[in-house]
Amino acid sequence: MMAVSAAISEQAASLGVSILIGGALFLLYDIFRIFRRVVPHGNFWIGVEDFFYWLCCTAVVFVTRMRLWRFNLHKTNAANEELVI
């Protein structure tokens, strides 16, 4: 069983990583917005850029969450075999 302080520090680290990734994705989208102003192009290409941006965001968030959860989607509490989500 994990100690309470260890669980809290693990959750705090997870929160910190999530905030950093959110900031990085926000910065990436701002770069896309600047690029759109510098190089004007049509709605089709804006849609293509947005699609790939969201695809990238999905991949980054998925991989990060899986690493933080150590590739376990569901953890079980070994003491009483309860499913902990």
Protein backbone atom coordinates (compact mmCIF):
# COMPACT_ATOMS: atom_id res chain seq x y z
CA MET A 1 0.00 0.00 0.00
CA MET A 2 1.32 3.40 -0.95
CA ALA A 3 1.79 5.93 1.82
CA VAL A 4 -0.44 8.97 1.74
CA SER A 5 2.41 11.43 1.30
CA ALA A 6 3.82 9.40 -1.59
CA ALA A 7 0.42 9.33 -3.27
CA ILE A 8 0.03 13.07 -2.86
CA SER A 9 3.50 13.77 -4.23
CA GLU A 10 2.78 11.49 -7.19
CA GLN A 11 -0.45 13.36 -7.90
CA ALA A 12 1.33 16.72 -7.54
CA ALA A 13 3.97 15.61 -10.03
CA SER A 14 1.23 14.47 -12.40
CA LEU A 15 -0.48 17.85 -12.07
CA GLY A 16 2.80 19.65 -12.76
CA VAL A 17 3.49 17.59 -15.87
CA SER A 18 -0.07 18.18 -17.09
CA ILE A 19 0.27 21.93 -16.63
CA LEU A 20 3.60 21.99 -18.49
CA ILE A 21 2.21 19.97 -21.38
CA GLY A 22 -0.86 22.19 -21.54
CA GLY A 23 1.39 25.25 -21.71
CA ALA A 24 3.51 23.68 -24.44
CA LEU A 25 0.43 22.82 -26.52
CA PHE A 26 -0.89 26.35 -25.99
CA LEU A 27 2.44 27.76 -27.21
CA LEU A 28 2.37 25.46 -30.24
CA TYR A 29 -1.10 26.68 -31.20
CA ASP A 30 0.06 30.31 -30.84
CA ILE A 31 2.89 29.50 -33.26
CA PHE A 32 0.28 28.18 -35.71
CA ARG A 33 -1.72 31.41 -35.30
CA ILE A 34 1.37 33.54 -35.97
CA PHE A 35 2.18 31.40 -39.02
CA ARG A 36 -1.36 31.95 -40.34
CA ARG A 37 -0.97 35.72 -40.09
CA VAL A 38 2.46 35.74 -41.71
CA VAL A 39 1.52 33.33 -44.51
CA PRO A 40 -2.16 33.80 -45.33
CA HIS A 41 -3.89 30.78 -46.78
CA GLY A 42 -7.40 29.43 -47.27
CA ASN A 43 -9.83 27.69 -44.98
CA PHE A 44 -8.94 24.25 -46.32
CA TRP A 45 -5.31 24.52 -45.22
CA ILE A 46 -6.32 26.01 -41.89
CA GLY A 47 -8.52 22.94 -41.39
CA VAL A 48 -5.65 20.64 -42.31
CA GLU A 49 -3.34 22.42 -39.85
CA ASP A 50 -5.95 22.22 -37.11
CA PHE A 51 -6.50 18.52 -37.78
CA PHE A 52 -2.81 17.75 -37.43
CA TYR A 53 -2.53 20.00 -34.36
CA TRP A 54 -5.34 18.12 -32.61
CA LEU A 55 -3.92 14.80 -33.73
CA CYS A 56 -0.58 15.82 -32.22
CA CYS A 57 -2.31 16.99 -29.02
CA THR A 58 -4.16 13.70 -28.72
CA ALA A 59 -0.97 11.68 -29.15
CA VAL A 60 1.01 13.80 -26.67
CA VAL A 61 -1.69 13.67 -24.00
CA PHE A 62 -2.29 9.93 -24.49
CA VAL A 63 1.40 9.01 -24.29
CA THR A 64 1.98 11.29 -21.30
CA ARG A 65 -0.97 9.91 -19.36
CA MET A 66 0.07 6.34 -20.11
CA ARG A 67 3.60 7.02 -18.89
CA LEU A 68 2.36 8.71 -15.73
CA TRP A 69 0.07 5.75 -15.05
CA ARG A 70 2.90 3.34 -15.93
CA PHE A 71 0.86 1.87 -18.77
CA ASN A 72 -1.82 0.61 -16.36
CA LEU A 73 -5.28 1.75 -17.31
CA HIS A 74 -6.75 0.28 -14.14
CA LYS A 75 -4.87 -0.31 -10.93
CA THR A 76 -6.10 -2.82 -8.41
CA ASN A 77 -5.66 -2.52 -4.69
CA ALA A 78 -3.94 -5.81 -3.80
CA ALA A 79 -5.16 -5.76 -0.19
CA ASN A 80 -8.83 -6.13 -1.02
CA GLU A 81 -8.83 -6.54 -4.83
CA GLU A 82 -10.89 -3.38 -5.41
CA LEU A 83 -10.63 -1.64 -8.74
CA VAL A 84 -9.08 1.80 -8.26
CA ILE A 85 -9.58 4.21 -11.15
